């Protein structure tokens, strides 16, 4: 009877060790997932809705085409602004989203472009690539100035 008890206890211990191992693996996976979600939330808080694809290479795009696209996006926001939204600095009031929704959209567009610039520069792997990227952004800003998109120009600089 003692050997049967010992054998049973040994099997129970093996089972408990497997349960413990499975639990630890799942806890580790859950912890890893929580960390990843925290980093994503923090990044979203810092960078907003900016999503620069991993393999996006700003250097492959022409300066002029990027400037044109930014100008089109800015113009879309700008043309929607009604005169009444500009009265009494409505965008500075507590109810600014109701009083000046299109001015707020223009401000958000400016901030998105500015954050995009930061992301693109910081995405470069080394100092030399960052310098080249910054030179490209300066050329884009010059194109924006030629297009008379001063908002986009300031967002990039």
Protein backbone atom coordinates (compact mmCIF):
# COMPACT_ATOMS: atom_id res chain seq x y z
CA UNK A 1 0.00 0.00 0.00
CA UNK A 2 2.93 2.33 0.74
CA UNK A 3 4.43 1.78 -2.75
CA UNK A 4 1.05 2.47 -4.33
CA UNK A 5 0.78 5.73 -2.35
CA UNK A 6 4.34 6.67 -3.36
CA UNK A 7 3.62 5.93 -7.04
CA UNK A 8 0.40 7.95 -6.90
CA UNK A 9 2.19 10.83 -5.25
CA UNK A 10 4.92 10.70 -7.89
CA UNK A 11 2.34 10.83 -10.72
CA UNK A 12 0.55 13.68 -8.97
CA UNK A 13 3.82 15.59 -8.65
CA UNK A 14 4.56 15.11 -12.37
CA UNK A 15 1.08 16.35 -13.24
CA UNK A 16 1.43 19.35 -10.94
CA UNK A 17 4.80 20.20 -12.48
CA UNK A 18 3.25 20.12 -15.98
CA UNK A 19 0.35 22.33 -14.80
CA UNK A 20 2.83 24.71 -13.18
CA UNK A 21 4.95 24.86 -16.35
CA UNK A 22 1.89 25.52 -18.53
CA UNK A 23 0.69 28.21 -16.13
CA UNK A 24 4.09 29.93 -16.12
CA UNK A 25 4.28 29.87 -19.94
CA UNK A 26 0.81 31.38 -20.24
CA UNK A 27 1.56 33.99 -17.59
CA UNK A 28 4.75 34.95 -19.43
CA UNK A 29 2.87 35.21 -22.76
CA UNK A 30 0.16 37.34 -21.12
CA UNK A 31 2.76 39.62 -19.52
CA UNK A 32 4.52 40.02 -22.88
CA UNK A 33 1.22 40.87 -24.57
CA UNK A 34 0.41 43.44 -21.87
CA UNK A 35 3.84 45.09 -22.31
CA UNK A 36 3.35 45.25 -26.08
CA UNK A 37 -0.10 46.84 -25.70
CA UNK A 38 1.31 49.35 -23.17
CA UNK A 39 4.05 50.36 -25.62
CA UNK A 40 1.49 50.71 -28.42
CA UNK A 41 -0.76 52.89 -26.23
CA UNK A 42 2.22 55.03 -25.15
CA UNK A 43 3.38 55.40 -28.77
CA UNK A 44 -0.12 56.35 -29.84
CA UNK A 45 -0.24 58.95 -27.06
CA UNK A 46 3.13 60.39 -28.14
CA UNK A 47 2.73 60.17 -31.90
CA UNK A 48 -1.04 60.27 -32.29
CA UNK A 49 -2.45 58.38 -35.23
CA UNK A 50 0.77 58.48 -37.21
CA UNK A 51 1.50 55.12 -38.74
CA UNK A 52 4.71 54.99 -40.73
CA UNK A 53 4.93 51.57 -42.41
CA UNK A 54 8.03 49.60 -41.40
CA UNK A 55 9.47 49.42 -44.92
CA UNK A 56 8.54 52.98 -45.89
CA UNK A 57 11.52 54.75 -47.41
CA UNK A 58 11.08 58.50 -47.73
CA UNK A 59 14.23 58.62 -49.85
CA UNK A 60 12.48 56.61 -52.59
CA UNK A 61 9.78 59.27 -53.06
CA UNK A 62 10.36 62.50 -54.95
CA UNK A 63 10.52 65.70 -52.91
CA UNK A 64 8.00 67.39 -55.16
CA UNK A 65 5.42 64.60 -55.00
CA UNK A 66 5.56 64.52 -51.18
CA UNK A 67 5.13 68.32 -51.08
CA UNK A 68 2.19 68.08 -53.48
CA UNK A 69 0.49 65.40 -51.39
CA UNK A 70 0.93 67.40 -48.18
CA UNK A 71 -0.45 70.46 -49.97
CA UNK A 72 -3.51 68.53 -51.16
CA UNK A 73 -4.16 67.26 -47.64
CA UNK A 74 -3.74 70.75 -46.17
CA UNK A 75 -5.95 72.32 -48.83
CA UNK A 76 -8.71 69.81 -48.06
CA UNK A 77 -8.72 71.03 -44.46
CA UNK A 78 -8.29 74.69 -45.35
CA UNK A 79 -11.16 74.88 -47.86
CA UNK A 80 -13.60 73.50 -45.27
CA UNK A 81 -13.01 76.37 -42.81
CA UNK A 82 -16.00 78.71 -42.57
CA UNK A 83 -15.49 82.42 -41.84
CA UNK A 84 -17.49 82.18 -38.60
CA UNK A 85 -14.94 79.67 -37.25
CA UNK A 86 -12.31 82.40 -37.34
CA UNK A 87 -14.35 84.94 -35.36
CA UNK A 88 -13.39 85.64 -31.77
CA UNK A 89 -10.64 83.00 -31.77
CA UNK A 90 -13.25 80.23 -31.49
CA UNK A 91 -10.49 77.58 -31.67
CA UNK A 92 -9.23 78.71 -28.24
CA UNK A 93 -12.58 78.33 -26.44
CA UNK A 94 -13.67 75.36 -24.34
CA UNK A 95 -16.29 74.35 -26.93
CA UNK A 96 -13.81 74.71 -29.80
CA UNK A 97 -14.77 71.37 -31.38
CA UNK A 98 -18.31 72.68 -31.95
CA UNK A 99 -17.44 76.31 -32.73
CA UNK A 100 -14.44 75.71 -35.01
CA UNK A 101 -14.33 72.04 -36.12
CA UNK A 102 -12.51 72.77 -39.37
CA UNK A 103 -9.92 75.03 -37.77
CA UNK A 104 -9.30 72.20 -35.29
CA UNK A 105 -8.98 69.76 -38.22
CA UNK A 106 -6.38 72.08 -39.78
CA UNK A 107 -4.47 72.26 -36.48
CA UNK A 108 -4.60 68.46 -36.19
CA UNK A 109 -3.36 68.12 -39.77
CA UNK A 110 -0.41 70.40 -38.95
CA UNK A 111 0.37 68.30 -35.85
CA UNK A 112 0.11 65.03 -37.81
CA UNK A 113 2.57 66.27 -40.45
CA UNK A 114 4.92 67.49 -37.73
CA UNK A 115 4.77 64.11 -35.94
CA UNK A 116 5.22 62.28 -39.25
CA UNK A 117 8.43 64.25 -39.84
CA UNK A 118 9.70 63.27 -36.39
CA UNK A 119 8.85 59.60 -36.96
CA UNK A 120 10.47 59.49 -40.40
CA UNK A 121 13.69 61.07 -39.12
CA UNK A 122 13.88 58.87 -36.02
CA UNK A 123 13.16 55.79 -38.09
CA UNK A 124 16.51 56.20 -39.86
CA UNK A 125 19.08 53.77 -38.45
CA UNK A 126 22.16 55.98 -38.16
CA UNK A 127 23.31 59.59 -38.05
CA UNK A 128 24.29 59.73 -41.72
CA UNK A 129 20.87 58.48 -42.88
CA UNK A 130 19.13 60.89 -40.50
CA UNK A 131 21.14 63.78 -41.94
CA UNK A 132 20.21 62.75 -45.51
CA UNK A 133 16.57 62.48 -44.44
CA UNK A 134 16.65 65.94 -42.87
CA UNK A 135 18.18 67.37 -46.06
CA UNK A 136 15.33 65.79 -48.01
CA UNK A 137 12.77 67.26 -45.62
CA UNK A 138 14.32 70.71 -46.10
CA UNK A 139 13.96 70.28 -49.87
CA UNK A 140 10.32 69.22 -49.34
CA UNK A 141 9.78 72.34 -47.22
CA UNK A 142 11.24 74.45 -50.06
CA UNK A 143 8.76 72.86 -52.50
CA UNK A 144 5.96 73.56 -50.03
CA UNK A 145 7.03 77.20 -49.91
CA UNK A 146 6.97 77.36 -53.73
CA UNK A 147 3.46 75.90 -53.60
CA UNK A 148 2.61 78.61 -51.05
CA UNK A 149 1.72 76.00 -48.48
CA UNK A 150 3.15 77.85 -45.50
CA UNK A 151 1.35 75.66 -42.98
CA UNK A 152 2.96 72.52 -44.40
CA UNK A 153 6.30 74.30 -44.66
CA UNK A 154 6.21 75.24 -40.97
CA UNK A 155 5.03 71.75 -39.96
CA UNK A 156 8.12 70.24 -41.60
CA UNK A 157 10.67 72.73 -40.26
